[in-house]
Amino acid sequence: MKILQISDTHNQHRQLTDLPAADVIVHCGDFTDNGTEEEVLNFLNWFVELPYPHKIFITCLLYTSPS
């Protein structure tokens, strides 16, 4: 089984165009700059369209802590 791990993409996820083949992709850490709804949806739409059979998404505390 091949696992590809990426992290802390900070709104740069669409620049990742030549990701290697894997069975599982894992993204952890920050995926936006400001945590806006637009940024979150942009990332999630990109992530779900990736051609990996299994995806794991681990958010950071920035997105789970109350304001």
PDB file of N, CA and C in Angstrom:
ATOM      1  N   MET A   1       0.843  -1.171   0.000  1.00  0.00           N
ATOM      2  CA  MET A   1       0.000   0.000   0.000  1.00  0.00           C
ATOM      3  C   MET A   1       0.893   1.240   0.000  1.00  0.00           C
ATOM      4  N   LYS A   2       0.585   2.179  -0.886  1.00  0.00           N
ATOM      5  CA  LYS A   2       1.320   3.449  -0.935  1.00  0.00           C
ATOM      6  C   LYS A   2       0.464   4.550  -0.329  1.00  0.00           C
ATOM      7  N   ILE A   3       1.090   5.328   0.540  1.00  0.00           N
ATOM      8  CA  ILE A   3       0.417   6.447   1.198  1.00  0.00           C
ATOM      9  C   ILE A   3       1.149   7.723   0.839  1.00  0.00           C
ATOM     10  N   LEU A   4       0.398   8.706   0.364  1.00  0.00           N
ATOM     11  CA  LEU A   4       0.938  10.023   0.053  1.00  0.00           C
ATOM     12  C   LEU A   4       0.451  10.996   1.112  1.00  0.00           C
ATOM     13  N   GLN A   5       1.378  11.675   1.762  1.00  0.00           N
ATOM     14  CA  GLN A   5       1.021  12.635   2.805  1.00  0.00           C
ATOM     15  C   GLN A   5       1.420  14.030   2.346  1.00  0.00           C
ATOM     16  N   ILE A   6       0.467  14.959   2.425  1.00  0.00           N
ATOM     17  CA  ILE A   6       0.742  16.370   2.166  1.00  0.00           C
ATOM     18  C   ILE A   6       0.218  17.166   3.352  1.00  0.00           C
ATOM     19  N   SER A   7       0.765  18.360   3.543  1.00  0.00           N
ATOM     20  CA  SER A   7       0.309  19.142   4.693  1.00  0.00           C
ATOM     21  C   SER A   7       0.550  20.625   4.464  1.00  0.00           C
ATOM     22  N   ASP A   8      -0.174  21.404   5.254  1.00  0.00           N
ATOM     23  CA  ASP A   8       0.030  22.853   5.326  1.00  0.00           C
ATOM     24  C   ASP A   8       0.118  23.497   3.941  1.00  0.00           C
ATOM     25  N   THR A   9      -0.913  23.268   3.140  1.00  0.00           N
ATOM     26  CA  THR A   9      -0.912  23.789   1.771  1.00  0.00           C
ATOM     27  C   THR A   9      -1.304  25.267   1.682  1.00  0.00           C
ATOM     28  N   HIS A  10      -1.950  25.810   2.695  1.00  0.00           N
ATOM     29  CA  HIS A  10      -2.230  27.251   2.790  1.00  0.00           C
ATOM     30  C   HIS A  10      -2.696  27.863   1.462  1.00  0.00           C
ATOM     31  N   ASN A  11      -3.788  27.358   0.920  1.00  0.00           N
ATOM     32  CA  ASN A  11      -4.385  27.869  -0.330  1.00  0.00           C
ATOM     33  C   ASN A  11      -3.514  27.650  -1.557  1.00  0.00           C
ATOM     34  N   GLN A  12      -2.484  26.856  -1.468  1.00  0.00           N
ATOM     35  CA  GLN A  12      -1.621  26.579  -2.620  1.00  0.00           C
ATOM     36  C   GLN A  12      -1.888  25.191  -3.204  1.00  0.00           C
ATOM     37  N   HIS A  13      -2.949  24.534  -2.763  1.00  0.00           N
ATOM     38  CA  HIS A  13      -3.226  23.159  -3.158  1.00  0.00           C
ATOM     39  C   HIS A  13      -3.372  22.980  -4.669  1.00  0.00           C
ATOM     40  N   ARG A  14      -3.913  23.952  -5.361  1.00  0.00           N
ATOM     41  CA  ARG A  14      -4.114  23.800  -6.812  1.00  0.00           C
ATOM     42  C   ARG A  14      -2.797  23.855  -7.588  1.00  0.00           C
ATOM     43  N   GLN A  15      -1.727  24.220  -6.937  1.00  0.00           N
ATOM     44  CA  GLN A  15      -0.407  24.179  -7.568  1.00  0.00           C
ATOM     45  C   GLN A  15       0.200  22.774  -7.538  1.00  0.00           C
ATOM     46  N   LEU A  16      -0.406  21.886  -6.792  1.00  0.00           N
ATOM     47  CA  LEU A  16       0.080  20.505  -6.697  1.00  0.00           C
ATOM     48  C   LEU A  16      -0.506  19.711  -7.863  1.00  0.00           C
ATOM     49  N   THR A  17       0.178  19.742  -8.988  1.00  0.00           N
ATOM     50  CA  THR A  17      -0.380  19.157 -10.203  1.00  0.00           C
ATOM     51  C   THR A  17       0.216  17.799 -10.559  1.00  0.00           C
ATOM     52  N   ASP A  18       1.376  17.474 -10.073  1.00  0.00           N
ATOM     53  CA  ASP A  18       2.023  16.205 -10.421  1.00  0.00           C
ATOM     54  C   ASP A  18       2.234  15.328  -9.196  1.00  0.00           C
ATOM     55  N   LEU A  19       1.160  15.087  -8.467  1.00  0.00           N
ATOM     56  CA  LEU A  19       1.272  14.253  -7.280  1.00  0.00           C
ATOM     57  C   LEU A  19       1.473  12.795  -7.706  1.00  0.00           C
ATOM     58  N   PRO A  20       2.294  12.058  -6.966  1.00  0.00           N
ATOM     59  CA  PRO A  20       2.554  10.663  -7.329  1.00  0.00           C
ATOM     60  C   PRO A  20       1.344   9.759  -7.073  1.00  0.00           C
ATOM     61  N   ALA A  21       1.347   8.628  -7.710  1.00  0.00           N
ATOM     62  CA  ALA A  21       0.293   7.638  -7.503  1.00  0.00           C
ATOM     63  C   ALA A  21       0.379   7.096  -6.075  1.00  0.00           C
ATOM     64  N   ALA A  22      -0.786   6.774  -5.530  1.00  0.00           N
ATOM     65  CA  ALA A  22      -0.850   6.205  -4.182  1.00  0.00           C
ATOM     66  C   ALA A  22      -2.220   5.574  -3.986  1.00  0.00           C
ATOM     67  N   ASP A  23      -2.317   4.744  -2.974  1.00  0.00           N
ATOM     68  CA  ASP A  23      -3.599   4.147  -2.607  1.00  0.00           C
ATOM     69  C   ASP A  23      -4.383   5.068  -1.680  1.00  0.00           C
ATOM     70  N   VAL A  24      -3.651   5.830  -0.888  1.00  0.00           N
ATOM     71  CA  VAL A  24      -4.255   6.712   0.109  1.00  0.00           C
ATOM     72  C   VAL A  24      -3.554   8.056   0.049  1.00  0.00           C
ATOM     73  N   ILE A  25      -4.341   9.126   0.096  1.00  0.00           N
ATOM     74  CA  ILE A  25      -3.765  10.456   0.273  1.00  0.00           C
ATOM     75  C   ILE A  25      -4.211  10.972   1.631  1.00  0.00           C
ATOM     76  N   VAL A  26      -3.276  11.575   2.345  1.00  0.00           N
ATOM     77  CA  VAL A  26      -3.549  12.154   3.660  1.00  0.00           C
ATOM     78  C   VAL A  26      -3.140  13.620   3.605  1.00  0.00           C
ATOM     79  N   HIS A  27      -4.072  14.489   3.965  1.00  0.00           N
ATOM     80  CA  HIS A  27      -3.728  15.910   4.117  1.00  0.00           C
ATOM     81  C   HIS A  27      -3.930  16.266   5.574  1.00  0.00           C
ATOM     82  N   CYS A  28      -2.906  16.869   6.171  1.00  0.00           N
ATOM     83  CA  CYS A  28      -3.022  17.309   7.554  1.00  0.00           C
ATOM     84  C   CYS A  28      -2.460  18.718   7.672  1.00  0.00           C
ATOM     85  N   GLY A  29      -2.922  19.420   8.670  1.00  0.00           N
ATOM     86  CA  GLY A  29      -2.432  20.781   8.899  1.00  0.00           C
ATOM     87  C   GLY A  29      -3.285  21.836   8.225  1.00  0.00           C
ATOM     88  N   ASP A  30      -2.731  23.030   8.133  1.00  0.00           N
ATOM     89  CA  ASP A  30      -3.460  24.177   7.583  1.00  0.00           C
ATOM     90  C   ASP A  30      -3.676  24.017   6.082  1.00  0.00           C
ATOM     91  N   PHE A  31      -4.889  24.291   5.635  1.00  0.00           N
ATOM     92  CA  PHE A  31      -5.187  24.223   4.214  1.00  0.00           C
ATOM     93  C   PHE A  31      -5.695  25.547   3.662  1.00  0.00           C
ATOM     94  N   THR A  32      -5.925  26.529   4.520  1.00  0.00           N
ATOM     95  CA  THR A  32      -6.320  27.870   4.091  1.00  0.00           C
ATOM     96  C   THR A  32      -5.390  28.886   4.747  1.00  0.00           C
ATOM     97  N   ASP A  33      -5.587  30.139   4.383  1.00  0.00           N
ATOM     98  CA  ASP A  33      -4.858  31.218   5.056  1.00  0.00           C
ATOM     99  C   ASP A  33      -5.681  31.832   6.173  1.00  0.00           C
ATOM    100  N   ASN A  34      -6.979  32.052   5.893  1.00  0.00           N
ATOM    101  CA  ASN A  34      -7.826  32.756   6.855  1.00  0.00           C
ATOM    102  C   ASN A  34      -8.997  31.939   7.381  1.00  0.00           C
ATOM    103  N   GLY A  35      -9.208  30.753   6.836  1.00  0.00           N
ATOM    104  CA  GLY A  35     -10.296  29.902   7.299  1.00  0.00           C
ATOM    105  C   GLY A  35     -11.670  30.346   6.840  1.00  0.00           C
ATOM    106  N   THR A  36     -11.739  31.134   5.761  1.00  0.00           N
ATOM    107  CA  THR A  36     -13.042  31.589   5.272  1.00  0.00           C
ATOM    108  C   THR A  36     -13.792  30.429   4.632  1.00  0.00           C
ATOM    109  N   GLU A  37     -15.097  30.568   4.547  1.00  0.00           N
ATOM    110  CA  GLU A  37     -15.916  29.535   3.921  1.00  0.00           C
ATOM    111  C   GLU A  37     -15.481  29.303   2.469  1.00  0.00           C
ATOM    112  N   GLU A  38     -15.186  30.361   1.750  1.00  0.00           N
ATOM    113  CA  GLU A  38     -14.749  30.241   0.361  1.00  0.00           C
ATOM    114  C   GLU A  38     -13.453  29.432   0.248  1.00  0.00           C
ATOM    115  N   GLU A  39     -12.499  29.710   1.122  1.00  0.00           N
ATOM    116  CA  GLU A  39     -11.237  28.967   1.110  1.00  0.00           C
ATOM    117  C   GLU A  39     -11.453  27.490   1.439  1.00  0.00           C
ATOM    118  N   VAL A  40     -12.270  27.243   2.440  1.00  0.00           N
ATOM    119  CA  VAL A  40     -12.540  25.862   2.855  1.00  0.00           C
ATOM    120  C   VAL A  40     -13.207  25.086   1.725  1.00  0.00           C
ATOM    121  N   LEU A  41     -14.228  25.667   1.111  1.00  0.00           N
ATOM    122  CA  LEU A  41     -14.929  24.982   0.026  1.00  0.00           C
ATOM    123  C   LEU A  41     -14.035  24.776  -1.186  1.00  0.00           C
ATOM    124  N   ASN A  42     -13.174  25.734  -1.474  1.00  0.00           N
ATOM    125  CA  ASN A  42     -12.245  25.589  -2.586  1.00  0.00           C
ATOM    126  C   ASN A  42     -11.337  24.390  -2.354  1.00  0.00           C
ATOM    127  N   PHE A  43     -10.799  24.289  -1.152  1.00  0.00           N
ATOM    128  CA  PHE A  43      -9.924  23.158  -0.829  1.00  0.00           C
ATOM    129  C   PHE A  43     -10.683  21.835  -0.874  1.00  0.00           C
ATOM    130  N   LEU A  44     -11.829  21.775  -0.219  1.00  0.00           N
ATOM    131  CA  LEU A  44     -12.576  20.520  -0.154  1.00  0.00           C
ATOM    132  C   LEU A  44     -13.017  20.048  -1.535  1.00  0.00           C
ATOM    133  N   ASN A  45     -13.430  20.958  -2.388  1.00  0.00           N
ATOM    134  CA  ASN A  45     -13.811  20.579  -3.756  1.00  0.00           C
ATOM    135  C   ASN A  45     -12.616  19.999  -4.505  1.00  0.00           C
ATOM    136  N   TRP A  46     -11.453  20.583  -4.326  1.00  0.00           N
ATOM    137  CA  TRP A  46     -10.226  20.057  -4.940  1.00  0.00           C
ATOM    138  C   TRP A  46      -9.902  18.676  -4.380  1.00  0.00           C
ATOM    139  N   PHE A  47      -9.953  18.549  -3.065  1.00  0.00           N
ATOM    140  CA  PHE A  47      -9.553  17.309  -2.398  1.00  0.00           C
ATOM    141  C   PHE A  47     -10.438  16.132  -2.812  1.00  0.00           C
ATOM    142  N   VAL A  48     -11.743  16.326  -2.845  1.00  0.00           N
ATOM    143  CA  VAL A  48     -12.639  15.211  -3.187  1.00  0.00           C
ATOM    144  C   VAL A  48     -12.493  14.780  -4.640  1.00  0.00           C
ATOM    145  N   GLU A  49     -11.999  15.653  -5.495  1.00  0.00           N
ATOM    146  CA  GLU A  49     -11.820  15.313  -6.909  1.00  0.00           C
ATOM    147  C   GLU A  49     -10.486  14.625  -7.204  1.00  0.00           C
ATOM    148  N   LEU A  50      -9.601  14.545  -6.248  1.00  0.00           N
ATOM    149  CA  LEU A  50      -8.313  13.890  -6.470  1.00  0.00           C
ATOM    150  C   LEU A  50      -8.525  12.411  -6.791  1.00  0.00           C
ATOM    151  N   PRO A  51      -7.699  11.840  -7.672  1.00  0.00           N
ATOM    152  CA  PRO A  51      -7.917  10.470  -8.139  1.00  0.00           C
ATOM    153  C   PRO A  51      -7.334   9.383  -7.230  1.00  0.00           C
ATOM    154  N   TYR A  52      -7.572   9.501  -5.945  1.00  0.00           N
ATOM    155  CA  TYR A  52      -7.076   8.498  -4.996  1.00  0.00           C
ATOM    156  C   TYR A  52      -8.266   7.730  -4.440  1.00  0.00           C
ATOM    157  N   PRO A  53      -8.150   6.405  -4.340  1.00  0.00           N
ATOM    158  CA  PRO A  53      -9.296   5.630  -3.863  1.00  0.00           C
ATOM    159  C   PRO A  53      -9.662   5.905  -2.405  1.00  0.00           C
ATOM    160  N   HIS A  54      -8.686   6.312  -1.608  1.00  0.00           N
ATOM    161  CA  HIS A  54      -8.949   6.582  -0.190  1.00  0.00           C
ATOM    162  C   HIS A  54      -8.326   7.923   0.178  1.00  0.00           C
ATOM    163  N   LYS A  55      -9.096   8.713   0.920  1.00  0.00           N
ATOM    164  CA  LYS A  55      -8.628  10.049   1.321  1.00  0.00           C
ATOM    165  C   LYS A  55      -8.836  10.221   2.817  1.00  0.00           C
ATOM    166  N   ILE A  56      -7.834  10.788   3.456  1.00  0.00           N
ATOM    167  CA  ILE A  56      -7.919  11.107   4.883  1.00  0.00           C
ATOM    168  C   ILE A  56      -7.586  12.579   5.028  1.00  0.00           C
ATOM    169  N   PHE A  57      -8.438  13.281   5.738  1.00  0.00           N
ATOM    170  CA  PHE A  57      -8.266  14.713   5.935  1.00  0.00           C
ATOM    171  C   PHE A  57      -8.235  14.994   7.431  1.00  0.00           C
ATOM    172  N   ILE A  58      -7.109  15.510   7.900  1.00  0.00           N
ATOM    173  CA  ILE A  58      -6.939  15.823   9.322  1.00  0.00           C
ATOM    174  C   ILE A  58      -6.730  17.325   9.425  1.00  0.00           C
ATOM    175  N   THR A  59      -7.682  17.991   9.990  1.00  0.00           N
ATOM    176  CA  THR A  59      -7.593  19.444  10.106  1.00  0.00           C
ATOM    177  C   THR A  59      -6.736  19.817  11.311  1.00  0.00           C
ATOM    178  N   CYS A  60      -6.350  21.067  11.359  1.00  0.00           N
ATOM    179  CA  CYS A  60      -5.565  21.539  12.507  1.00  0.00           C
ATOM    180  C   CYS A  60      -6.476  22.249  13.491  1.00  0.00           C
ATOM    181  N   LEU A  61      -5.948  22.643  14.601  1.00  0.00           N
ATOM    182  CA  LEU A  61      -6.734  23.301  15.636  1.00  0.00           C
ATOM    183  C   LEU A  61      -7.340  24.634  15.192  1.00  0.00           C
ATOM    184  N   LEU A  62      -6.707  25.295  14.239  1.00  0.00           N
ATOM    185  CA  LEU A  62      -7.226  26.578  13.749  1.00  0.00           C
ATOM    186  C   LEU A  62      -8.677  26.470  13.328  1.00  0.00           C
ATOM    187  N   TYR A  63      -9.067  25.329  12.758  1.00  0.00           N
ATOM    188  CA  TYR A  63     -10.397  25.166  12.215  1.00  0.00           C
ATOM    189  C   TYR A  63     -11.367  24.505  13.187  1.00  0.00           C
ATOM    190  N   THR A  64     -10.890  24.081  14.326  1.00  0.00           N
ATOM    191  CA  THR A  64     -11.774  23.399  15.284  1.00  0.00           C
ATOM    192  C   THR A  64     -11.974  24.198  16.565  1.00  0.00           C
ATOM    193  N   SER A  65     -11.191  25.234  16.783  1.00  0.00           N
ATOM    194  CA  SER A  65     -11.315  26.016  18.013  1.00  0.00           C
ATOM    195  C   SER A  65     -12.418  27.044  17.873  1.00  0.00           C
ATOM    196  N   PRO A  66     -13.177  27.294  18.942  1.00  0.00           N
ATOM    197  CA  PRO A  66     -14.212  28.332  18.888  1.00  0.00           C
ATOM    198  C   PRO A  66     -13.572  29.713  18.725  1.00  0.00           C
ATOM    199  N   SER A  67     -14.281  30.598  18.066  1.00  0.00           N
ATOM    200  CA  SER A  67     -13.762  31.959  17.834  1.00  0.00           C
ATOM    201  C   SER A  67     -13.795  32.788  19.096  1.00  0.00           C
TER     202      SER A  67
END
